[in-house]
Protein backbone atom coordinates (compact mmCIF):
# COMPACT_ATOMS: atom_id res chain seq x y z
CA MET A 1 -20.85 8.32 -78.38
CA ARG A 2 -21.34 8.93 -74.64
CA GLY A 3 -24.61 10.21 -73.18
CA SER A 4 -22.75 13.17 -71.66
CA GLU A 5 -21.90 14.35 -75.16
CA LEU A 6 -25.59 14.82 -75.94
CA ARG A 7 -25.92 17.89 -73.73
CA GLY A 8 -26.19 21.34 -75.21
CA ASN A 9 -29.62 21.57 -76.82
CA GLU A 10 -31.82 21.83 -73.73
CA PRO A 11 -35.54 21.98 -74.48
CA LYS A 12 -37.62 24.61 -72.73
CA GLY A 13 -39.01 23.41 -69.43
CA GLY A 14 -36.06 21.21 -68.47
CA GLY A 15 -33.93 18.42 -69.90
CA LEU A 16 -35.28 15.44 -71.78
CA GLN A 17 -34.94 13.06 -68.85
CA ALA A 18 -36.95 15.38 -66.58
CA GLN A 19 -39.63 15.81 -69.22
CA LEU A 20 -39.90 12.05 -69.73
CA ASP A 21 -40.11 11.50 -65.97
CA SER A 22 -42.99 13.96 -65.74
CA PHE A 23 -44.76 12.58 -68.80
CA LEU A 24 -44.52 8.94 -67.71
CA ALA A 25 -45.61 9.73 -64.16
CA SER A 26 -48.97 10.78 -65.59
CA GLN A 27 -49.17 8.39 -68.56
CA GLU A 28 -47.62 5.02 -67.61
CA ASP A 29 -50.75 3.54 -66.00
CA ARG A 30 -52.82 4.67 -68.97
CA LEU A 31 -50.38 3.06 -71.38
CA ILE A 32 -50.40 -0.21 -69.48
CA ALA A 33 -54.21 -0.21 -69.57
CA PHE A 34 -54.09 0.33 -73.34
CA ARG A 35 -51.65 -2.55 -73.78
CA ARG A 36 -53.91 -4.86 -71.79
CA ASP A 37 -56.94 -3.85 -73.84
CA VAL A 38 -55.10 -4.64 -77.09
CA HIS A 39 -53.81 -7.89 -75.60
CA MET A 40 -57.36 -8.94 -74.72
CA HIS A 41 -58.55 -8.23 -78.27
CA PRO A 42 -55.81 -9.52 -80.61
CA GLU A 43 -56.30 -9.51 -84.37
CA LEU A 44 -54.42 -11.31 -87.13
CA GLY A 45 -52.68 -9.58 -90.05
CA TYR A 46 -54.97 -7.51 -92.28
CA ALA A 47 -57.81 -8.02 -89.78
CA GLU A 48 -56.58 -5.47 -87.22
CA HIS A 49 -59.70 -3.30 -87.54
CA ARG A 50 -60.43 -2.81 -83.83
CA THR A 51 -56.75 -2.26 -83.07
CA THR A 52 -56.49 0.34 -85.84
CA ALA A 53 -59.62 2.11 -84.58
CA ARG A 54 -58.31 2.19 -80.99
CA ILE A 55 -54.96 3.62 -82.10
CA ALA A 56 -56.68 6.25 -84.25
CA GLU A 57 -58.91 7.20 -81.33
CA GLU A 58 -55.95 7.73 -79.02
CA LEU A 59 -53.90 9.64 -81.60
CA THR A 60 -56.82 11.93 -82.41
CA ALA A 61 -57.36 12.59 -78.70
CA ALA A 62 -53.71 13.71 -78.55
CA GLY A 63 -54.40 16.29 -81.27
CA LEU A 64 -52.80 14.29 -84.07
CA ARG A 65 -54.19 13.37 -87.49
CA PRO A 66 -53.50 9.74 -88.40
CA THR A 67 -53.99 8.41 -91.92
CA GLN A 68 -55.31 4.89 -92.43
CA LEU A 69 -53.50 2.65 -94.90
CA PRO A 70 -55.35 1.75 -98.14
CA LYS A 71 -56.18 -1.85 -97.16
CA GLY A 72 -58.09 -0.68 -94.10
CA THR A 73 -55.76 -1.58 -91.25
CA GLY A 74 -52.65 0.17 -89.99
CA LEU A 75 -51.93 3.87 -89.70
CA ILE A 76 -49.33 6.51 -90.46
CA CYS A 77 -49.17 9.61 -88.30
CA GLU A 78 -46.70 12.47 -88.61
CA VAL A 79 -45.84 14.73 -85.68
CA GLY A 80 -44.28 18.16 -86.18
CA CYS A 81 -44.12 20.41 -89.22
CA GLY A 82 -41.69 22.33 -91.38
CA ASP A 83 -38.96 21.37 -93.81
CA GLY A 84 -36.52 19.87 -91.31
CA PRO A 85 -35.34 16.25 -91.11
CA VAL A 86 -37.84 13.41 -90.87
CA VAL A 87 -37.29 10.28 -88.79
CA ALA A 88 -39.64 7.28 -88.85
CA LEU A 89 -40.48 4.93 -85.98
CA ARG A 90 -42.28 1.67 -86.70
CA ALA A 91 -44.49 -0.56 -84.57
CA ASP A 92 -46.26 -3.70 -85.80
CA ILE A 93 -49.84 -4.27 -84.63
CA ASP A 94 -50.86 -7.83 -85.59
CA ALA A 95 -51.16 -10.94 -83.42
CA LEU A 96 -50.46 -14.66 -83.93
CA PRO A 97 -52.76 -17.66 -84.54
CA LEU A 98 -51.98 -19.25 -81.16
CA PRO A 99 -54.13 -19.84 -78.06
CA ASP A 100 -53.35 -17.68 -75.02
CA GLU A 101 -52.18 -20.04 -72.26
CA LYS A 102 -51.60 -17.41 -69.54
CA ASP A 103 -53.73 -17.13 -66.40
CA VAL A 104 -53.90 -13.32 -66.24
CA PRO A 105 -56.79 -10.80 -66.10
CA TYR A 106 -55.88 -9.51 -69.58
CA ARG A 107 -55.85 -12.93 -71.23
CA SER A 108 -56.95 -12.96 -74.88
CA THR A 109 -60.72 -13.09 -75.39
CA VAL A 110 -60.31 -14.31 -78.98
CA PRO A 111 -60.02 -18.12 -79.26
CA GLY A 112 -56.83 -19.23 -80.96
CA VAL A 113 -55.34 -15.74 -81.30
CA THR A 114 -52.90 -13.96 -78.99
CA HIS A 115 -50.14 -11.37 -78.91
CA ALA A 116 -47.35 -13.91 -78.42
CA CYS A 117 -44.64 -11.77 -80.03
CA GLY A 118 -45.08 -8.48 -78.17
CA HIS A 119 -46.68 -6.43 -80.94
CA ASP A 120 -49.16 -5.09 -78.39
CA VAL A 121 -46.17 -3.73 -76.48
CA HIS A 122 -44.61 -2.21 -79.61
CA THR A 123 -47.93 -0.52 -80.42
CA THR A 124 -48.34 0.84 -76.90
CA ILE A 125 -44.79 2.22 -76.82
CA MET A 126 -45.41 4.01 -80.11
CA LEU A 127 -48.62 5.50 -78.76
CA GLY A 128 -46.70 6.84 -75.76
CA VAL A 129 -44.07 8.32 -78.09
CA ALA A 130 -46.86 9.94 -80.13
CA ARG A 131 -48.37 11.61 -77.07
CA PHE A 132 -45.00 12.87 -75.88
CA PHE A 133 -44.02 14.29 -79.26
CA ALA A 134 -47.46 15.88 -79.67
CA GLN A 135 -46.70 17.87 -76.52
CA GLN A 136 -43.22 18.71 -77.80
CA ALA A 137 -44.59 19.90 -81.13
CA ASP A 138 -47.20 22.09 -79.43
CA ALA A 139 -44.41 23.68 -77.39
CA GLU A 140 -42.29 24.12 -80.56
CA GLN A 141 -39.57 21.89 -79.12
CA LEU A 142 -39.43 19.26 -81.85
CA PRO A 143 -36.39 19.75 -84.13
CA GLY A 144 -37.99 18.16 -87.18
CA ARG A 145 -40.76 15.69 -87.94
CA VAL A 146 -41.37 12.18 -86.62
CA ARG A 147 -43.39 9.78 -88.73
CA LEU A 148 -45.06 7.06 -86.70
CA ILE A 149 -45.85 3.87 -88.61
CA PHE A 150 -48.38 1.50 -87.06
CA GLN A 151 -47.84 -1.37 -89.46
CA PRO A 152 -50.24 -4.25 -90.08
CA ALA A 153 -49.39 -7.81 -91.07
CA GLU A 154 -45.79 -8.27 -89.98
CA GLU A 155 -46.36 -11.94 -89.26
CA ASN A 156 -47.97 -12.70 -92.65
CA PRO A 157 -45.77 -10.88 -93.88
CA GLY A 158 -46.56 -8.07 -96.31
CA GLY A 159 -47.44 -5.08 -94.17
CA ALA A 160 -44.10 -3.34 -94.69
CA LEU A 161 -44.53 -3.48 -98.46
CA ASP A 162 -48.02 -1.97 -98.10
CA VAL A 163 -46.60 0.89 -96.03
CA MET A 164 -43.94 1.52 -98.67
CA ALA A 165 -46.48 1.35 -101.52
CA ALA A 166 -48.54 3.99 -99.72
CA GLY A 167 -45.52 6.34 -99.56
CA GLY A 168 -44.94 5.65 -95.90
CA ILE A 169 -41.16 6.02 -96.02
CA ALA A 170 -40.94 8.69 -98.73
CA GLY A 171 -38.71 11.53 -97.59
CA ILE A 172 -37.52 9.67 -94.49
CA ASP A 173 -33.93 10.15 -93.34
CA ARG A 174 -33.80 7.14 -90.98
CA ILE A 175 -36.11 4.54 -89.48
CA PHE A 176 -36.00 2.74 -86.13
CA ALA A 177 -37.93 -0.07 -84.44
CA LEU A 178 -37.94 -2.16 -81.29
CA HIS A 179 -38.76 -5.83 -80.86
CA CYS A 180 -39.50 -7.50 -77.53
CA ASP A 181 -36.83 -9.96 -76.39
CA PRO A 182 -37.65 -12.27 -73.45
CA ARG A 183 -33.98 -13.27 -73.25
CA VAL A 184 -33.08 -9.75 -72.06
CA GLU A 185 -34.11 -8.25 -68.71
CA VAL A 186 -36.27 -5.15 -68.58
CA GLY A 187 -34.17 -1.98 -68.52
CA GLN A 188 -31.76 -3.10 -71.23
CA LEU A 189 -31.66 -2.76 -75.00
CA GLY A 190 -29.89 -5.30 -77.23
CA LEU A 191 -27.93 -3.71 -80.09
CA ARG A 192 -26.10 -5.16 -83.09
CA ALA A 193 -24.70 -3.56 -86.24
CA GLY A 194 -25.04 -5.48 -89.50
CA PRO A 195 -27.42 -8.42 -89.97
CA ILE A 196 -29.65 -8.96 -86.95
CA THR A 197 -32.38 -11.16 -88.45
CA ALA A 198 -32.41 -13.36 -91.53
CA ALA A 199 -34.22 -13.54 -94.82
CA CYS A 200 -36.89 -16.21 -94.73
CA ASP A 201 -38.35 -17.75 -97.91
CA LYS A 202 -40.55 -20.80 -98.45
CA VAL A 203 -39.76 -23.47 -101.04
CA ASN A 204 -41.98 -26.19 -102.46
CA VAL A 205 -40.37 -28.87 -104.64
CA ARG A 206 -42.63 -31.21 -106.63
CA VAL A 207 -40.99 -34.24 -108.22
CA THR A 208 -42.74 -36.33 -110.90
CA GLY A 209 -41.88 -39.54 -112.76
CA PRO A 210 -43.57 -42.54 -114.41
CA GLY A 211 -43.89 -44.62 -111.25
CA GLY A 212 -44.01 -48.43 -111.20
CA HIS A 213 -43.47 -51.59 -109.16
CA THR A 214 -40.78 -51.70 -106.48
CA ALA A 215 -39.71 -55.05 -107.94
CA ARG A 216 -38.63 -53.35 -111.17
CA PRO A 217 -37.08 -49.96 -110.29
CA HIS A 218 -34.75 -50.25 -113.28
CA LEU A 219 -37.72 -50.01 -115.66
CA THR A 220 -38.95 -46.70 -114.25
CA ALA A 221 -37.69 -43.75 -112.25
CA ASP A 222 -37.22 -44.50 -108.56
CA LEU A 223 -38.97 -41.33 -107.45
CA VAL A 224 -38.68 -41.77 -103.68
CA TYR A 225 -34.94 -42.37 -103.97
CA ALA A 226 -34.62 -39.32 -106.24
CA LEU A 227 -36.62 -37.19 -103.79
CA ALA A 228 -34.40 -38.39 -100.95
CA LYS A 229 -31.32 -37.35 -102.95
CA ILE A 230 -32.83 -33.92 -103.58
CA VAL A 231 -33.67 -33.48 -99.90
CA THR A 232 -30.16 -34.41 -98.77
CA GLU A 233 -28.01 -32.99 -101.56
CA LEU A 234 -29.58 -29.57 -102.07
CA PRO A 235 -28.80 -28.18 -98.59
CA ALA A 236 -25.20 -29.41 -98.82
CA ALA A 237 -24.73 -28.08 -102.36
CA LEU A 238 -26.17 -24.68 -101.47
CA SER A 239 -23.81 -24.34 -98.51
CA ARG A 240 -20.85 -24.87 -100.86
CA ARG A 241 -21.96 -22.40 -103.51
CA VAL A 242 -22.20 -19.27 -101.35
CA ASP A 243 -19.95 -17.49 -98.87
CA PRO A 244 -20.35 -19.38 -95.57
CA ARG A 245 -20.55 -16.05 -93.77
CA SER A 246 -23.95 -15.50 -95.39
CA SER A 247 -25.37 -18.30 -93.17
CA LEU A 248 -27.60 -19.45 -96.03
CA SER A 249 -29.46 -22.58 -94.98
CA LEU A 250 -32.15 -24.79 -96.48
CA VAL A 251 -34.13 -26.84 -93.96
CA TRP A 252 -36.99 -29.16 -94.90
CA GLY A 253 -40.15 -29.26 -92.83
CA GLN A 254 -42.36 -31.63 -94.80
CA ILE A 255 -41.78 -34.54 -97.20
CA SER A 256 -44.46 -36.66 -98.81
CA ALA A 257 -44.43 -39.41 -101.46
CA GLY A 258 -46.28 -42.66 -102.03
CA SER A 259 -48.97 -44.53 -100.14
CA VAL A 260 -48.02 -48.23 -100.21
CA ALA A 261 -44.83 -50.20 -99.65
CA ASN A 262 -44.59 -51.99 -103.02
CA ALA A 263 -45.39 -49.19 -105.51
CA ILE A 264 -43.04 -46.46 -106.72
CA PRO A 265 -45.18 -43.28 -106.75
CA ASP A 266 -45.40 -40.92 -109.68
CA ASP A 267 -45.08 -37.75 -107.63
CA GLY A 268 -43.68 -36.45 -104.36
CA VAL A 269 -43.33 -33.15 -102.51
CA ALA A 270 -40.79 -31.56 -100.21
CA MET A 271 -41.37 -28.21 -98.47
CA GLY A 272 -39.01 -26.13 -96.41
CA THR A 273 -37.50 -22.73 -95.74
CA VAL A 274 -34.42 -20.89 -96.95
CA ARG A 275 -32.84 -18.51 -94.45
CA CYS A 276 -29.93 -16.16 -95.03
CA LEU A 277 -28.15 -13.25 -93.33
CA ASP A 278 -26.57 -11.76 -96.47
CA ASP A 279 -28.57 -9.64 -98.89
CA GLU A 280 -26.52 -10.60 -101.97
CA ALA A 281 -26.81 -14.32 -101.26
CA TRP A 282 -30.54 -13.90 -100.63
CA HIS A 283 -31.10 -12.31 -104.03
CA SER A 284 -29.17 -15.09 -105.78
CA ALA A 285 -30.74 -18.00 -103.86
CA PRO A 286 -33.74 -18.78 -106.16
CA ASP A 287 -31.72 -19.11 -109.37
CA LEU A 288 -28.98 -21.05 -107.62
CA MET A 289 -31.44 -23.46 -106.05
CA LYS A 290 -33.25 -24.00 -109.37
CA ALA A 291 -29.99 -24.89 -111.13
CA LEU A 292 -28.96 -27.32 -108.40
CA LEU A 293 -32.41 -28.91 -108.31
CA ASP A 294 -32.41 -29.49 -112.07
CA SER A 295 -28.95 -31.05 -111.85
CA VAL A 296 -29.90 -33.55 -109.15
CA ALA A 297 -33.29 -34.40 -110.69
CA SER A 298 -31.82 -35.10 -114.14
CA ALA A 299 -29.37 -37.58 -112.67
CA TYR A 300 -32.31 -39.77 -111.58
CA ASP A 301 -34.59 -39.24 -114.62
CA VAL A 302 -37.29 -37.35 -112.76
CA LYS A 303 -38.72 -33.89 -113.32
CA ALA A 304 -38.59 -31.33 -110.51
CA GLU A 305 -40.58 -28.12 -110.27
CA LEU A 306 -39.57 -25.39 -107.83
CA ASP A 307 -42.08 -22.98 -106.31
CA TYR A 308 -39.91 -20.39 -104.55
CA VAL A 309 -41.93 -17.94 -102.44
CA ARG A 310 -40.12 -14.79 -101.37
CA GLY A 311 -40.61 -13.89 -97.72
CA VAL A 312 -38.57 -11.08 -96.23
CA PRO A 313 -35.00 -9.88 -96.78
CA PRO A 314 -32.41 -9.95 -94.00
CA THR A 315 -32.64 -7.07 -91.56
CA VAL A 316 -29.26 -5.36 -91.83
CA ASN A 317 -28.73 -2.62 -89.24
CA GLU A 318 -26.81 0.42 -90.44
CA LYS A 319 -23.86 1.18 -88.16
CA THR A 320 -24.54 4.90 -87.64
CA SER A 321 -28.17 4.21 -86.77
CA VAL A 322 -27.06 1.62 -84.20
CA GLU A 323 -24.74 4.21 -82.68
CA MET A 324 -27.68 6.62 -82.47
CA PHE A 325 -29.59 3.96 -80.56
CA ARG A 326 -26.57 3.48 -78.30
CA ALA A 327 -26.18 7.19 -77.56
CA ALA A 328 -29.89 7.55 -76.87
CA VAL A 329 -30.07 4.53 -74.54
CA THR A 330 -27.02 5.73 -72.63
CA SER A 331 -28.58 9.17 -72.19
CA VAL A 332 -31.86 7.90 -70.70
CA LEU A 333 -30.91 4.54 -69.14
CA GLY A 334 -27.19 4.86 -68.47
CA GLU A 335 -24.26 2.77 -69.67
CA ASP A 336 -25.76 -0.43 -68.24
CA GLY A 337 -28.81 -0.01 -70.47
CA VAL A 338 -26.91 -1.27 -73.52
CA THR A 339 -26.14 -4.93 -74.17
CA GLY A 340 -25.19 -6.96 -77.22
CA THR A 341 -27.61 -9.25 -79.01
CA PRO A 342 -26.99 -12.33 -81.18
CA GLN A 343 -28.07 -12.74 -84.77
CA SER A 344 -31.32 -14.58 -85.33
CA LEU A 345 -32.36 -16.68 -88.32
CA GLY A 346 -35.96 -15.66 -87.69
CA GLY A 347 -37.59 -13.38 -90.26
CA GLU A 348 -38.63 -9.75 -89.70
CA ASP A 349 -40.19 -7.61 -92.42
CA PHE A 350 -38.48 -4.49 -91.08
CA GLY A 351 -35.74 -5.59 -93.45
CA TRP A 352 -37.79 -4.25 -96.38
CA TYR A 353 -37.45 -0.71 -95.03
CA LEU A 354 -33.71 -1.08 -94.53
CA GLU A 355 -33.25 -2.04 -98.18
CA SER A 356 -34.37 1.51 -99.03
CA ILE A 357 -33.29 3.76 -96.14
CA PRO A 358 -30.79 3.55 -93.27
CA GLY A 359 -32.03 2.48 -89.87
CA ALA A 360 -31.85 -0.12 -87.15
CA LEU A 361 -33.89 -2.65 -85.18
CA ALA A 362 -33.10 -3.14 -81.49
CA ARG A 363 -34.09 -5.79 -78.95
CA LEU A 364 -36.14 -4.47 -76.03
CA GLY A 365 -35.64 -6.34 -72.77
CA VAL A 366 -39.01 -7.50 -71.42
CA ALA A 367 -38.06 -10.20 -68.92
CA ALA A 368 -38.57 -9.65 -65.21
CA PRO A 369 -35.32 -9.73 -63.19
CA GLY A 370 -34.09 -13.30 -62.92
CA MET A 371 -36.57 -14.53 -65.55
CA ALA A 372 -34.59 -13.98 -68.77
CA GLY A 373 -35.20 -16.93 -71.06
CA ALA A 374 -38.12 -18.31 -69.03
CA TYR A 375 -40.56 -17.47 -71.81
CA ASP A 376 -40.08 -17.47 -75.55
CA LEU A 377 -41.64 -15.65 -78.48
CA HIS A 378 -44.41 -17.35 -80.46
CA ARG A 379 -45.55 -19.31 -77.41
CA GLY A 380 -48.95 -19.11 -75.77
CA THR A 381 -47.27 -18.47 -72.41
CA PHE A 382 -45.38 -15.37 -73.62
CA ASP A 383 -45.75 -12.27 -71.44
CA VAL A 384 -43.72 -9.22 -70.46
CA ASP A 385 -42.72 -7.19 -67.45
CA GLU A 386 -44.86 -4.14 -68.22
CA ARG A 387 -42.18 -1.75 -66.99
CA CYS A 388 -40.71 -2.30 -70.44
CA ILE A 389 -43.36 0.04 -71.88
CA ALA A 390 -41.98 3.11 -70.12
CA ILE A 391 -38.45 2.00 -70.99
CA GLY A 392 -39.44 1.70 -74.64
CA VAL A 393 -40.99 5.18 -74.67
CA ARG A 394 -37.81 6.67 -73.20
CA VAL A 395 -35.60 4.87 -75.70
CA MET A 396 -37.63 5.68 -78.80
CA VAL A 397 -38.11 9.32 -77.88
CA ALA A 398 -34.39 9.74 -77.23
CA THR A 399 -33.45 7.85 -80.40
CA ALA A 400 -35.73 9.93 -82.62
CA LEU A 401 -34.35 13.15 -81.14
CA THR A 402 -30.77 11.91 -81.50
CA ALA A 403 -31.41 11.21 -85.17
CA LEU A 404 -33.19 14.54 -85.74
CA TRP A 405 -30.44 16.58 -84.15
CA GLY A 406 -27.82 14.52 -85.97
CA SER A 407 -29.50 15.24 -89.31
CA ARG A 408 -29.58 18.95 -88.54
CA SER A 409 -25.86 19.02 -87.80
CA ALA A 410 -24.24 19.86 -91.13
CA GLY A 411 -21.67 17.28 -92.17
CA ALA A 412 -22.26 15.13 -89.10
CA THR A 413 -21.10 11.54 -89.45
CA GLU A 414 -22.50 10.43 -86.12
CA PRO A 415 -25.36 11.59 -83.84
CA VAL A 416 -24.66 14.83 -81.98
CA GLY A 417 -26.55 17.32 -79.88
CA GLU A 418 -29.73 15.47 -78.90
CA PRO A 419 -31.60 17.23 -76.09
CA ALA A 420 -30.52 15.99 -72.67
């Protein structure tokens, strides 16, 4: 859908682009200052008490009434009223257990903790969207309701499930989110329909046997050899038991067994992660892995126990929601504002929402011109070109309005009539 096709529902006081220009002219510096304050005071998942208080303070000052989540961190705030459509926008607010290695005035003041994934940017963008929509609602220009989700503990993960348990997505028509991408220059948004991030689970395999002397392996179970077979054969067997398009992979990160050269140990451990882009394969992975593990272990007369820890499902973007993103970006940034984005095998708990309601996650370009790829996520050197904050506000405002107007259009199969 082209941006020119979004004309026809002009808000009072000028088109959307003009209103955003005016709003950001007065608010951009304030938003940047807020981002720097949050960056200087990062908090880990479920400990985001100062961050939650600062967000609540700003939302209340804008005339809104945020509700704190039951565990004490994170907020939900709805803008608008009435029985019209409801669109949700999500920002994550937690930081990472990494030292801040940047030499900047807003460097983290908390030892060993920093916003190395851009959640401070996501939070700031959402605050800007909240202020803008508060003005729209006061002027009776909002064609529905927008639910703003300031989610804790994305990195843990678990925050998305807490939001859902608190009724945070009840009655929602669609949900959208942005994630910073240092591989994309500021001013562009990376879009992809279908799987965009992978499921990520942790596995712990414990192998036990009688142990014995390395001179007499035939009188016992050669546990280290058996563990080696498990470590090598399970990934290969898994890849042959599921559709290769699911990109299911098992990768080991830690193996431990024995303490001396001439003794066969009686136990050993292997730990790793399972990643997958297909929801069906993800749901079947634990049972499949258990069956394969038992098969390999029995061949070498050892016992194997599997501790399979669910992480997050794959984030699978719904096509219509991606097209809403595309139409919105085109309307506020132009055709050059849209770019493709590759799939990632990293985990993102936004996938929990998309198992229940349609929506999409997009990649927000945060790299300064000519610096794409110079910094990476989850690194102490990570930083952004702060012009991405205003870009993010424009995109999320336009996307929410596209979705609201699309929901109001009876029988619409794609977004139509968002204010221009």
